[in-house]
N, C-alpha and C. Protein backbone atom coordinates (compact mmCIF):
# COMPACT_ATOMS: atom_id res chain seq x y z
N UNK A 1 76.90 13.52 46.00
CA UNK A 1 76.78 14.55 44.97
C UNK A 1 75.33 14.71 44.56
N UNK A 2 74.89 15.98 44.63
CA UNK A 2 73.48 16.25 44.36
C UNK A 2 73.24 16.76 42.94
N UNK A 3 74.26 16.66 42.08
CA UNK A 3 74.10 17.17 40.73
C UNK A 3 72.96 16.44 40.02
N UNK A 4 72.13 17.20 39.33
CA UNK A 4 70.99 16.63 38.62
C UNK A 4 71.39 16.39 37.18
N UNK A 5 71.09 15.17 36.67
CA UNK A 5 71.38 14.81 35.29
C UNK A 5 72.85 15.05 34.94
N UNK A 6 73.74 14.82 35.90
CA UNK A 6 75.16 14.93 35.65
C UNK A 6 75.71 16.34 35.64
N UNK A 7 74.90 17.34 35.94
CA UNK A 7 75.35 18.73 35.93
C UNK A 7 75.86 19.11 37.33
N UNK A 8 77.08 19.61 37.39
CA UNK A 8 77.69 20.03 38.65
C UNK A 8 77.40 21.51 38.85
N UNK A 9 76.71 21.83 39.93
CA UNK A 9 76.26 23.19 40.19
C UNK A 9 77.32 23.93 41.03
N UNK A 10 77.72 25.11 40.57
CA UNK A 10 78.80 25.86 41.20
C UNK A 10 78.32 27.20 41.75
N UNK A 11 78.82 27.55 42.93
CA UNK A 11 78.63 28.89 43.50
C UNK A 11 80.00 29.53 43.60
N UNK A 12 80.16 30.73 43.05
CA UNK A 12 81.44 31.45 43.08
C UNK A 12 81.38 32.53 44.15
N UNK A 13 82.34 32.49 45.08
CA UNK A 13 82.39 33.46 46.17
C UNK A 13 83.72 34.21 46.09
N UNK A 14 83.67 35.48 45.72
CA UNK A 14 84.87 36.30 45.60
C UNK A 14 84.46 37.77 45.64
N UNK A 15 85.25 38.59 46.34
CA UNK A 15 84.87 40.00 46.44
C UNK A 15 85.24 40.80 45.20
N UNK A 16 85.97 40.19 44.27
CA UNK A 16 86.37 40.88 43.04
C UNK A 16 85.39 40.51 41.92
N UNK A 17 84.59 41.47 41.45
CA UNK A 17 83.61 41.14 40.40
C UNK A 17 84.25 40.67 39.11
N UNK A 18 85.50 41.10 38.84
CA UNK A 18 86.20 40.65 37.63
C UNK A 18 86.55 39.17 37.73
N UNK A 19 86.94 38.74 38.91
CA UNK A 19 87.25 37.32 39.11
C UNK A 19 85.99 36.49 38.93
N UNK A 20 84.90 36.95 39.52
CA UNK A 20 83.64 36.21 39.38
C UNK A 20 83.22 36.13 37.91
N UNK A 21 83.32 37.24 37.22
CA UNK A 21 82.93 37.27 35.81
C UNK A 21 83.84 36.38 34.97
N UNK A 22 85.14 36.43 35.28
CA UNK A 22 86.10 35.63 34.52
C UNK A 22 85.86 34.14 34.69
N UNK A 23 85.59 33.73 35.93
CA UNK A 23 85.31 32.32 36.17
C UNK A 23 84.02 31.89 35.50
N UNK A 24 83.00 32.74 35.56
CA UNK A 24 81.72 32.41 34.92
C UNK A 24 81.89 32.25 33.41
N UNK A 25 82.65 33.16 32.81
CA UNK A 25 82.89 33.07 31.36
C UNK A 25 83.70 31.83 31.01
N UNK A 26 84.68 31.52 31.86
CA UNK A 26 85.54 30.37 31.62
C UNK A 26 84.74 29.07 31.62
N UNK A 27 83.73 29.00 32.49
CA UNK A 27 82.98 27.76 32.65
C UNK A 27 81.71 27.71 31.80
N UNK A 28 81.37 28.82 31.16
CA UNK A 28 80.16 28.87 30.34
C UNK A 28 80.28 27.91 29.15
N UNK A 29 79.19 27.28 28.83
CA UNK A 29 79.16 26.43 27.65
C UNK A 29 79.49 24.98 27.91
N UNK A 30 79.94 24.65 29.12
CA UNK A 30 80.23 23.25 29.43
C UNK A 30 78.95 22.52 29.80
N UNK A 31 78.80 21.32 29.28
CA UNK A 31 77.55 20.59 29.50
C UNK A 31 77.38 20.13 30.94
N UNK A 32 78.49 19.86 31.64
CA UNK A 32 78.39 19.24 32.96
C UNK A 32 78.73 20.17 34.11
N UNK A 33 79.02 21.45 33.83
CA UNK A 33 79.32 22.43 34.87
C UNK A 33 78.45 23.66 34.66
N UNK A 34 77.83 24.14 35.74
CA UNK A 34 76.96 25.31 35.60
C UNK A 34 77.13 26.22 36.81
N UNK A 35 77.44 27.49 36.55
CA UNK A 35 77.49 28.48 37.62
C UNK A 35 76.06 28.89 37.94
N UNK A 36 75.60 28.56 39.15
CA UNK A 36 74.20 28.82 39.51
C UNK A 36 74.05 30.06 40.38
N UNK A 37 75.18 30.62 40.88
CA UNK A 37 75.07 31.79 41.73
C UNK A 37 76.43 32.37 42.07
N UNK A 38 76.41 33.59 42.60
CA UNK A 38 77.63 34.28 43.01
C UNK A 38 77.41 34.94 44.36
N UNK A 39 78.51 35.17 45.08
CA UNK A 39 78.47 35.92 46.34
C UNK A 39 79.75 36.73 46.42
N UNK A 40 79.66 37.93 47.02
CA UNK A 40 80.79 38.84 47.08
C UNK A 40 81.50 38.81 48.43
N UNK A 41 80.99 38.02 49.38
CA UNK A 41 81.60 37.98 50.71
C UNK A 41 81.14 36.71 51.41
N UNK A 42 81.98 36.27 52.37
CA UNK A 42 81.63 35.07 53.12
C UNK A 42 80.33 35.18 53.86
N UNK A 43 79.95 36.41 54.24
CA UNK A 43 78.70 36.61 54.96
C UNK A 43 77.48 36.24 54.11
N UNK A 44 77.64 36.28 52.79
CA UNK A 44 76.52 35.98 51.89
C UNK A 44 76.39 34.49 51.58
N UNK A 45 77.36 33.68 52.01
CA UNK A 45 77.40 32.28 51.61
C UNK A 45 76.20 31.47 52.09
N UNK A 46 75.81 31.54 53.38
CA UNK A 46 74.67 30.70 53.81
C UNK A 46 73.41 30.94 52.99
N UNK A 47 73.08 32.20 52.75
CA UNK A 47 71.87 32.51 51.97
C UNK A 47 72.02 32.05 50.53
N UNK A 48 73.22 32.23 49.97
CA UNK A 48 73.44 31.84 48.57
C UNK A 48 73.37 30.32 48.41
N UNK A 49 73.90 29.59 49.38
CA UNK A 49 73.83 28.12 49.33
C UNK A 49 72.38 27.66 49.45
N UNK A 50 71.62 28.30 50.35
CA UNK A 50 70.21 27.94 50.51
C UNK A 50 69.42 28.24 49.25
N UNK A 51 69.76 29.33 48.58
CA UNK A 51 69.00 29.75 47.40
C UNK A 51 69.34 28.93 46.16
N UNK A 52 70.62 28.54 46.01
CA UNK A 52 71.07 27.95 44.76
C UNK A 52 71.42 26.47 44.84
N UNK A 53 71.53 25.91 46.04
CA UNK A 53 71.85 24.49 46.23
C UNK A 53 73.02 24.03 45.37
N UNK A 54 74.19 24.67 45.52
CA UNK A 54 75.34 24.25 44.70
C UNK A 54 75.91 22.92 45.18
N UNK A 55 76.61 22.24 44.29
CA UNK A 55 77.35 21.04 44.64
C UNK A 55 78.75 21.39 45.11
N UNK A 56 79.31 22.47 44.53
CA UNK A 56 80.66 22.93 44.89
C UNK A 56 80.63 24.45 45.06
N UNK A 57 81.31 24.93 46.11
CA UNK A 57 81.50 26.36 46.30
C UNK A 57 82.95 26.70 46.03
N UNK A 58 83.19 27.59 45.07
CA UNK A 58 84.53 28.12 44.82
C UNK A 58 84.71 29.31 45.74
N UNK A 59 85.58 29.20 46.75
CA UNK A 59 85.63 30.15 47.86
C UNK A 59 86.96 30.91 47.90
N UNK A 60 86.89 32.21 47.72
CA UNK A 60 88.07 33.06 47.93
C UNK A 60 88.40 33.09 49.42
N UNK A 61 89.65 33.29 49.77
CA UNK A 61 90.03 33.35 51.19
C UNK A 61 89.91 34.76 51.73
N UNK A 62 90.53 35.72 51.06
CA UNK A 62 90.63 37.07 51.59
C UNK A 62 89.47 37.93 51.10
N UNK A 63 88.51 38.16 52.00
CA UNK A 63 87.36 39.00 51.69
C UNK A 63 87.15 39.97 52.86
N UNK A 64 86.54 41.14 52.63
CA UNK A 64 86.57 42.22 53.62
C UNK A 64 85.80 41.99 54.91
N UNK A 65 84.65 41.36 54.85
CA UNK A 65 83.84 41.20 56.08
C UNK A 65 84.05 39.82 56.70
N UNK A 66 83.51 38.78 56.06
CA UNK A 66 83.72 37.42 56.53
C UNK A 66 84.62 36.71 55.53
N UNK A 67 85.79 36.28 55.99
CA UNK A 67 86.75 35.66 55.07
C UNK A 67 86.32 34.25 54.70
N UNK A 68 86.98 33.71 53.70
CA UNK A 68 86.62 32.38 53.20
C UNK A 68 86.86 31.27 54.19
N UNK A 69 87.85 31.45 55.07
CA UNK A 69 88.12 30.44 56.09
C UNK A 69 86.95 30.31 57.05
N UNK A 70 86.49 31.44 57.58
CA UNK A 70 85.35 31.42 58.50
C UNK A 70 84.10 30.89 57.80
N UNK A 71 83.90 31.31 56.56
CA UNK A 71 82.73 30.86 55.81
C UNK A 71 82.78 29.35 55.57
N UNK A 72 83.97 28.83 55.29
CA UNK A 72 84.13 27.40 55.07
C UNK A 72 83.83 26.61 56.35
N UNK A 73 84.37 27.08 57.47
CA UNK A 73 84.14 26.41 58.75
C UNK A 73 82.65 26.34 59.08
N UNK A 74 81.97 27.46 58.90
CA UNK A 74 80.53 27.49 59.20
C UNK A 74 79.74 26.60 58.24
N UNK A 75 80.10 26.66 56.97
CA UNK A 75 79.36 25.91 55.96
C UNK A 75 79.53 24.41 56.14
N UNK A 76 80.76 23.97 56.39
CA UNK A 76 81.02 22.52 56.46
C UNK A 76 80.48 21.88 57.73
N UNK A 77 80.04 22.69 58.69
CA UNK A 77 79.40 22.13 59.88
C UNK A 77 77.95 21.73 59.61
N UNK A 78 77.40 22.21 58.51
CA UNK A 78 76.00 21.95 58.22
C UNK A 78 75.83 20.58 57.58
N UNK A 79 74.79 19.83 57.96
CA UNK A 79 74.53 18.54 57.29
C UNK A 79 74.28 18.75 55.81
N UNK A 80 74.85 17.88 55.00
CA UNK A 80 74.62 17.95 53.56
C UNK A 80 75.26 19.15 52.89
N UNK A 81 76.30 19.72 53.51
CA UNK A 81 76.95 20.92 52.95
C UNK A 81 77.63 20.58 51.63
N UNK A 82 77.69 21.55 50.71
CA UNK A 82 78.40 21.32 49.44
C UNK A 82 79.90 21.24 49.68
N UNK A 83 80.61 20.68 48.72
CA UNK A 83 82.07 20.71 48.76
C UNK A 83 82.54 22.15 48.62
N UNK A 84 83.69 22.43 49.21
CA UNK A 84 84.30 23.76 49.10
C UNK A 84 85.68 23.62 48.47
N UNK A 85 85.94 24.40 47.44
CA UNK A 85 87.26 24.48 46.83
C UNK A 85 87.77 25.90 47.04
N UNK A 86 88.91 26.03 47.69
CA UNK A 86 89.46 27.34 48.03
C UNK A 86 90.15 27.94 46.82
N UNK A 87 89.90 29.21 46.58
CA UNK A 87 90.58 29.97 45.53
C UNK A 87 91.64 30.86 46.19
N UNK A 88 92.85 30.83 45.68
CA UNK A 88 93.92 31.62 46.29
C UNK A 88 94.94 32.05 45.25
N UNK A 89 95.71 33.07 45.59
CA UNK A 89 96.81 33.50 44.73
C UNK A 89 98.13 32.90 45.19
N UNK A 90 98.11 32.14 46.30
CA UNK A 90 99.33 31.56 46.85
C UNK A 90 99.21 30.04 46.86
N UNK A 91 100.34 29.34 46.56
CA UNK A 91 100.29 27.88 46.54
C UNK A 91 100.81 27.25 47.81
N UNK A 92 101.24 28.06 48.78
CA UNK A 92 101.70 27.52 50.07
C UNK A 92 101.36 28.54 51.14
N UNK A 93 100.13 28.53 51.57
CA UNK A 93 99.63 29.56 52.47
C UNK A 93 99.00 28.89 53.68
N UNK A 94 99.36 29.34 54.88
CA UNK A 94 98.84 28.71 56.10
C UNK A 94 97.32 28.77 56.15
N UNK A 95 96.74 29.84 55.60
CA UNK A 95 95.28 29.95 55.61
C UNK A 95 94.63 28.87 54.76
N UNK A 96 95.32 28.49 53.65
CA UNK A 96 94.80 27.42 52.81
C UNK A 96 94.77 26.12 53.60
N UNK A 97 95.84 25.84 54.32
CA UNK A 97 95.90 24.63 55.14
C UNK A 97 94.78 24.63 56.18
N UNK A 98 94.55 25.76 56.81
CA UNK A 98 93.47 25.85 57.80
C UNK A 98 92.11 25.59 57.15
N UNK A 99 91.93 26.10 55.94
CA UNK A 99 90.67 25.86 55.23
C UNK A 99 90.49 24.38 54.92
N UNK A 100 91.58 23.71 54.53
CA UNK A 100 91.49 22.29 54.24
C UNK A 100 91.15 21.50 55.50
N UNK A 101 91.75 21.89 56.62
CA UNK A 101 91.44 21.20 57.87
C UNK A 101 90.00 21.48 58.30
N UNK A 102 89.46 22.62 57.89
CA UNK A 102 88.07 22.95 58.22
C UNK A 102 87.08 22.17 57.36
N UNK A 103 87.57 21.51 56.31
CA UNK A 103 86.68 20.70 55.49
C UNK A 103 86.65 21.02 54.02
N UNK A 104 87.49 21.97 53.56
CA UNK A 104 87.56 22.24 52.13
C UNK A 104 88.11 21.00 51.41
N UNK A 105 87.65 20.78 50.20
CA UNK A 105 88.04 19.59 49.45
C UNK A 105 89.32 19.77 48.66
N UNK A 106 89.86 20.97 48.65
CA UNK A 106 91.09 21.24 47.92
C UNK A 106 91.21 22.71 47.63
N UNK A 107 92.21 23.07 46.84
CA UNK A 107 92.35 24.48 46.49
C UNK A 107 92.83 24.63 45.06
N UNK A 108 92.51 25.78 44.48
CA UNK A 108 92.94 26.13 43.13
C UNK A 108 93.58 27.51 43.16
N UNK A 109 94.64 27.68 42.41
CA UNK A 109 95.20 29.01 42.22
C UNK A 109 94.32 29.77 41.24
N UNK A 110 94.24 31.07 41.43
CA UNK A 110 93.37 31.87 40.57
C UNK A 110 93.86 31.93 39.12
N UNK A 111 95.14 31.62 38.91
CA UNK A 111 95.64 31.61 37.53
C UNK A 111 95.72 30.20 36.96
N UNK A 112 94.97 29.26 37.57
CA UNK A 112 94.92 27.89 37.05
C UNK A 112 94.38 27.89 35.63
N UNK A 113 95.04 27.20 34.68
CA UNK A 113 94.52 27.14 33.31
C UNK A 113 93.12 26.55 33.28
N UNK A 114 92.27 27.04 32.37
CA UNK A 114 90.87 26.60 32.34
C UNK A 114 90.68 25.08 32.31
N UNK A 115 91.43 24.39 31.47
CA UNK A 115 91.25 22.94 31.35
C UNK A 115 91.58 22.24 32.66
N UNK A 116 92.62 22.72 33.35
CA UNK A 116 93.01 22.12 34.63
C UNK A 116 91.96 22.40 35.71
N UNK A 117 91.41 23.63 35.68
CA UNK A 117 90.36 23.98 36.64
C UNK A 117 89.14 23.08 36.47
N UNK A 118 88.74 22.87 35.22
CA UNK A 118 87.58 22.02 34.94
C UNK A 118 87.84 20.59 35.41
N UNK A 119 89.04 20.07 35.13
CA UNK A 119 89.36 18.71 35.58
C UNK A 119 89.31 18.61 37.09
N UNK A 120 89.82 19.64 37.77
CA UNK A 120 89.84 19.63 39.24
C UNK A 120 88.42 19.62 39.80
N UNK A 121 87.53 20.44 39.23
CA UNK A 121 86.15 20.49 39.71
C UNK A 121 85.44 19.16 39.47
N UNK A 122 85.71 18.53 38.35
CA UNK A 122 85.10 17.23 38.07
C UNK A 122 85.61 16.18 39.06
N UNK A 123 86.86 16.27 39.42
CA UNK A 123 87.42 15.31 40.38
C UNK A 123 86.76 15.48 41.76
N UNK A 124 86.60 16.72 42.17
CA UNK A 124 85.96 16.96 43.46
C UNK A 124 84.52 16.44 43.43
N UNK A 125 83.82 16.69 42.34
CA UNK A 125 82.44 16.22 42.22
C UNK A 125 82.37 14.70 42.28
N UNK A 126 83.44 14.03 41.82
CA UNK A 126 83.48 12.57 41.84
C UNK A 126 84.04 12.02 43.15
N UNK A 127 84.38 12.93 44.08
CA UNK A 127 84.91 12.49 45.36
C UNK A 127 86.38 12.13 45.33
N UNK A 128 87.10 12.60 44.31
CA UNK A 128 88.51 12.27 44.18
C UNK A 128 89.37 13.36 44.82
N UNK A 129 90.64 13.04 45.14
CA UNK A 129 91.52 14.04 45.76
C UNK A 129 91.95 15.11 44.77
N UNK A 130 92.27 16.29 45.29
CA UNK A 130 92.75 17.39 44.45
C UNK A 130 94.18 17.79 44.76
N UNK A 131 94.77 17.27 45.80
CA UNK A 131 96.09 17.74 46.23
C UNK A 131 97.17 16.75 45.84
N UNK A 132 98.21 17.24 45.18
CA UNK A 132 99.36 16.40 44.91
C UNK A 132 100.17 16.26 46.19
N UNK A 133 100.97 15.20 46.31
CA UNK A 133 101.80 15.05 47.51
C UNK A 133 102.72 16.24 47.77
N UNK A 134 103.28 16.83 46.71
CA UNK A 134 104.20 17.95 46.91
C UNK A 134 103.47 19.17 47.45
N UNK A 135 102.27 19.42 46.96
CA UNK A 135 101.49 20.55 47.45
C UNK A 135 101.10 20.33 48.90
N UNK A 136 100.67 19.11 49.23
CA UNK A 136 100.30 18.82 50.61
C UNK A 136 101.47 19.03 51.54
N UNK A 137 102.65 18.58 51.15
CA UNK A 137 103.84 18.77 51.99
C UNK A 137 104.15 20.25 52.15
N UNK A 138 104.02 21.03 51.07
CA UNK A 138 104.26 22.47 51.16
C UNK A 138 103.34 23.10 52.19
N UNK A 139 102.07 22.74 52.15
CA UNK A 139 101.11 23.33 53.07
C UNK A 139 101.42 22.95 54.51
N UNK A 140 101.73 21.69 54.74
CA UNK A 140 102.01 21.24 56.10
C UNK A 140 103.27 21.90 56.65
N UNK A 141 104.22 22.21 55.80
CA UNK A 141 105.44 22.89 56.23
C UNK A 141 105.17 24.28 56.78
N UNK A 142 103.99 24.84 56.50
CA UNK A 142 103.66 26.18 56.97
C UNK A 142 103.31 26.21 58.46
N UNK A 143 103.04 25.05 59.03
CA UNK A 143 102.59 24.98 60.41
C UNK A 143 103.79 24.90 61.35
N UNK A 144 103.71 25.57 62.49
CA UNK A 144 104.82 25.59 63.42
C UNK A 144 105.06 24.21 64.01
N UNK A 145 106.29 23.96 64.46
CA UNK A 145 106.66 22.65 64.97
C UNK A 145 105.81 22.26 66.17
N UNK A 146 105.50 23.21 67.05
CA UNK A 146 104.73 22.90 68.25
C UNK A 146 103.35 22.41 67.92
N UNK A 147 102.63 23.14 67.08
CA UNK A 147 101.28 22.72 66.74
C UNK A 147 101.30 21.43 65.94
N UNK A 148 102.34 21.25 65.09
CA UNK A 148 102.45 20.03 64.31
C UNK A 148 102.63 18.84 65.25
N UNK A 149 103.41 19.01 66.31
CA UNK A 149 103.63 17.94 67.26
C UNK A 149 102.33 17.55 67.96
N UNK A 150 101.54 18.55 68.35
CA UNK A 150 100.27 18.27 69.01
C UNK A 150 99.32 17.56 68.06
N UNK A 151 99.28 17.98 66.80
CA UNK A 151 98.42 17.34 65.83
C UNK A 151 98.87 15.92 65.55
N UNK A 152 100.20 15.71 65.51
CA UNK A 152 100.71 14.37 65.23
C UNK A 152 100.27 13.39 66.32
N UNK A 153 100.30 13.84 67.57
CA UNK A 153 99.86 12.98 68.67
C UNK A 153 98.39 12.61 68.52
N UNK A 154 97.57 13.60 68.19
CA UNK A 154 96.15 13.35 67.98
C UNK A 154 95.94 12.42 66.79
N UNK A 155 96.71 12.64 65.72
CA UNK A 155 96.56 11.82 64.52
C UNK A 155 96.95 10.38 64.79
N UNK A 156 98.03 10.17 65.54
CA UNK A 156 98.44 8.80 65.87
C UNK A 156 97.37 8.08 66.67
N UNK A 157 96.74 8.81 67.59
CA UNK A 157 95.66 8.21 68.38
C UNK A 157 94.49 7.83 67.49
N UNK A 158 94.14 8.73 66.54
CA UNK A 158 93.03 8.45 65.64
C UNK A 158 93.33 7.25 64.74
N UNK A 159 94.52 7.23 64.14
CA UNK A 159 94.88 6.15 63.22
C UNK A 159 95.09 4.83 63.94
N UNK A 160 95.34 4.89 65.25
CA UNK A 160 95.49 3.66 66.02
C UNK A 160 94.23 2.83 66.07
N UNK A 161 93.08 3.45 65.73
CA UNK A 161 91.80 2.72 65.73
C UNK A 161 91.57 1.97 64.42
N UNK A 162 92.45 2.16 63.44
CA UNK A 162 92.25 1.57 62.12
C UNK A 162 92.85 0.18 62.02
N UNK A 163 92.28 -0.63 61.14
CA UNK A 163 92.88 -1.91 60.80
C UNK A 163 94.08 -1.66 59.88
N UNK A 164 94.88 -2.70 59.68
CA UNK A 164 96.05 -2.55 58.81
C UNK A 164 95.63 -2.16 57.40
N UNK A 165 94.57 -2.75 56.90
CA UNK A 165 94.11 -2.44 55.53
C UNK A 165 93.60 -1.00 55.45
N UNK A 166 92.89 -0.57 56.48
CA UNK A 166 92.41 0.80 56.49
C UNK A 166 93.57 1.79 56.52
N UNK A 167 94.62 1.45 57.24
CA UNK A 167 95.81 2.32 57.27
C UNK A 167 96.47 2.38 55.91
N UNK A 168 96.48 1.27 55.18
CA UNK A 168 97.06 1.27 53.84
C UNK A 168 96.27 2.19 52.91
N UNK A 169 94.95 2.14 53.02
CA UNK A 169 94.11 3.02 52.19
C UNK A 169 94.34 4.48 52.60
N UNK A 170 94.42 4.75 53.89
CA UNK A 170 94.66 6.11 54.37
C UNK A 170 96.00 6.64 53.86
N UNK A 171 97.02 5.79 53.88
CA UNK A 171 98.34 6.19 53.39
C UNK A 171 98.28 6.53 51.90
N UNK A 172 97.56 5.72 51.13
CA UNK A 172 97.45 5.98 49.69
C UNK A 172 96.69 7.27 49.42
N UNK A 173 95.66 7.54 50.21
CA UNK A 173 94.94 8.80 50.07
C UNK A 173 95.88 9.96 50.38
N UNK A 174 96.70 9.80 51.41
CA UNK A 174 97.67 10.84 51.77
C UNK A 174 98.69 11.10 50.68
N UNK A 175 98.93 10.11 49.85
CA UNK A 175 99.87 10.28 48.74
C UNK A 175 99.19 10.85 47.50
N UNK A 176 97.90 11.17 47.61
CA UNK A 176 97.19 11.82 46.51
C UNK A 176 96.70 10.88 45.44
N UNK A 177 96.61 9.58 45.73
CA UNK A 177 96.17 8.63 44.71
C UNK A 177 94.66 8.68 44.54
N UNK A 178 94.21 8.44 43.33
CA UNK A 178 92.78 8.34 43.04
C UNK A 178 92.27 6.97 43.48
N UNK A 179 90.96 6.79 43.47
CA UNK A 179 90.39 5.50 43.84
C UNK A 179 90.90 4.39 42.93
N UNK A 180 90.98 4.69 41.63
CA UNK A 180 91.46 3.68 40.68
C UNK A 180 92.93 3.32 40.97
N UNK A 181 93.74 4.32 41.26
CA UNK A 181 95.16 4.06 41.56
C UNK A 181 95.33 3.28 42.85
N UNK A 182 94.50 3.60 43.85
CA UNK A 182 94.55 2.84 45.10
C UNK A 182 94.15 1.38 44.84
N UNK A 183 93.14 1.19 44.01
CA UNK A 183 92.70 -0.16 43.69
C UNK A 183 93.81 -0.99 43.05
N UNK A 184 94.54 -0.38 42.13
CA UNK A 184 95.65 -1.09 41.47
C UNK A 184 96.74 -1.43 42.49
N UNK A 185 97.09 -0.46 43.32
CA UNK A 185 98.16 -0.69 44.30
C UNK A 185 97.79 -1.77 45.30
N UNK A 186 96.55 -1.74 45.79
CA UNK A 186 96.15 -2.64 46.87
C UNK A 186 95.33 -3.84 46.38
N UNK A 187 95.22 -3.98 45.04
CA UNK A 187 94.52 -5.12 44.45
C UNK A 187 93.06 -5.19 44.93
N UNK A 188 92.38 -4.04 44.79
CA UNK A 188 90.97 -3.94 45.15
C UNK A 188 90.19 -3.41 43.95
N UNK A 189 88.90 -3.65 43.95
CA UNK A 189 88.04 -2.99 42.98
C UNK A 189 87.83 -1.54 43.42
N UNK A 190 87.42 -0.69 42.48
CA UNK A 190 87.14 0.71 42.82
C UNK A 190 86.00 0.78 43.82
N UNK A 191 85.01 -0.08 43.68
CA UNK A 191 83.89 -0.09 44.62
C UNK A 191 84.36 -0.42 46.03
N UNK A 192 85.31 -1.34 46.16
CA UNK A 192 85.84 -1.68 47.48
C UNK A 192 86.63 -0.52 48.06
N UNK A 193 87.40 0.17 47.21
CA UNK A 193 88.14 1.35 47.68
C UNK A 193 87.18 2.40 48.21
N UNK A 194 86.10 2.65 47.46
CA UNK A 194 85.11 3.64 47.90
C UNK A 194 84.51 3.25 49.24
N UNK A 195 84.27 1.94 49.43
CA UNK A 195 83.72 1.48 50.70
C UNK A 195 84.71 1.73 51.83
N UNK A 196 85.98 1.51 51.57
CA UNK A 196 87.00 1.78 52.59
C UNK A 196 87.07 3.27 52.91
N UNK A 197 86.99 4.12 51.88
CA UNK A 197 87.03 5.57 52.11
C UNK A 197 85.85 5.99 53.00
N UNK A 198 84.66 5.47 52.68
CA UNK A 198 83.49 5.79 53.50
C UNK A 198 83.68 5.32 54.93
N UNK A 199 84.26 4.14 55.09
CA UNK A 199 84.51 3.60 56.43
C UNK A 199 85.50 4.47 57.20
N UNK A 200 86.55 4.94 56.51
CA UNK A 200 87.53 5.81 57.15
C UNK A 200 86.91 7.12 57.60
N UNK A 201 86.08 7.71 56.74
CA UNK A 201 85.43 8.97 57.10
C UNK A 201 84.57 8.81 58.34
N UNK A 202 83.83 7.71 58.41
CA UNK A 202 82.97 7.47 59.56
C UNK A 202 83.78 7.19 60.82
N UNK A 203 84.81 6.36 60.69
CA UNK A 203 85.59 5.94 61.85
C UNK A 203 86.41 7.09 62.42
N UNK A 204 86.94 7.94 61.53
CA UNK A 204 87.78 9.06 61.95
C UNK A 204 86.98 10.33 62.19
N UNK A 205 85.67 10.30 61.91
CA UNK A 205 84.78 11.44 62.10
C UNK A 205 85.26 12.65 61.28
N UNK A 206 85.56 12.38 60.02
CA UNK A 206 85.99 13.42 59.08
C UNK A 206 84.93 13.56 58.00
N UNK A 207 85.01 14.66 57.22
CA UNK A 207 83.96 14.84 56.21
C UNK A 207 84.45 14.82 54.77
N UNK A 208 85.75 14.65 54.54
CA UNK A 208 86.20 14.42 53.17
C UNK A 208 87.59 13.80 53.17
N UNK A 209 88.03 13.32 52.01
CA UNK A 209 89.27 12.56 51.93
C UNK A 209 90.50 13.46 52.06
N UNK A 210 90.37 14.75 51.81
CA UNK A 210 91.51 15.65 52.03
C UNK A 210 91.89 15.64 53.51
N UNK A 211 90.90 15.60 54.39
CA UNK A 211 91.19 15.55 55.81
C UNK A 211 91.87 14.23 56.19
N UNK A 212 91.50 13.14 55.51
CA UNK A 212 92.21 11.88 55.72
C UNK A 212 93.67 12.03 55.30
N UNK A 213 93.90 12.68 54.15
CA UNK A 213 95.26 12.88 53.65
C UNK A 213 96.09 13.69 54.65
N UNK A 214 95.52 14.76 55.19
CA UNK A 214 96.25 15.59 56.14
C UNK A 214 96.56 14.82 57.42
N UNK A 215 95.61 14.00 57.85
CA UNK A 215 95.83 13.17 59.05
C UNK A 215 96.98 12.19 58.78
N UNK A 216 96.99 11.60 57.59
CA UNK A 216 98.07 10.67 57.25
C UNK A 216 99.42 11.36 57.23
N UNK A 217 99.45 12.60 56.74
CA UNK A 217 100.70 13.35 56.72
C UNK A 217 101.14 13.75 58.13
N UNK A 218 100.18 14.03 59.00
CA UNK A 218 100.52 14.41 60.38
C UNK A 218 101.30 13.32 61.09
N UNK A 219 101.04 12.08 60.74
CA UNK A 219 101.72 10.95 61.40
C UNK A 219 102.90 10.42 60.60
N UNK A 220 103.10 10.95 59.40
CA UNK A 220 104.16 10.42 58.54
C UNK A 220 103.73 9.17 57.79
N UNK A 221 102.47 8.78 57.92
CA UNK A 221 101.97 7.57 57.28
C UNK A 221 102.03 7.66 55.75
N UNK A 222 101.92 8.88 55.23
CA UNK A 222 101.87 9.06 53.77
C UNK A 222 103.25 9.17 53.15
N UNK A 223 104.29 9.19 53.95
CA UNK A 223 105.63 9.35 53.40
C UNK A 223 106.10 8.07 52.71
């Protein structure tokens, strides 16, 4: 997290100026959250990220030129890319799942209450999960059986490289537990949990814990 003096820098990407204005107003006045820039299309994201150095990008999916999915994929390939939180009007959408697999850290509905939205952004900034188990299952149900089968085979191969303890941590992440909750369940300190999460990301070649959660669900490990 690159936030300076505890301030989380946000970039809002949405083709609807009313949505951008509403989010900016909603977040105004908070000491630890600051909207540093806006973009109206996915095509504007690289330049906006370079100009404003956000910690989190709030990314709409459906935009006229470059959609949020493509923008997320391109952005998350860059070293040191900011976290991406997908904005959507649907809570079980295949495009949302694709965005998460591309490296988004979670998603928010556009009608999320302000207090819940702020909590979610703070969790992402702290490296915590944003998806409840029920939401994750809903998203995975959107994928066809054939592609799910292919992903499950790949996921089993990936998880086969883990130690038993690493698999336990991966399963807990898949169940949507926070670092503190994982620590209580597995009798670890929070610092040890964080070390395991970092180890999993490196070993599985993933870039955030949401991708670990999806991998765990692909194999049934999180059930």
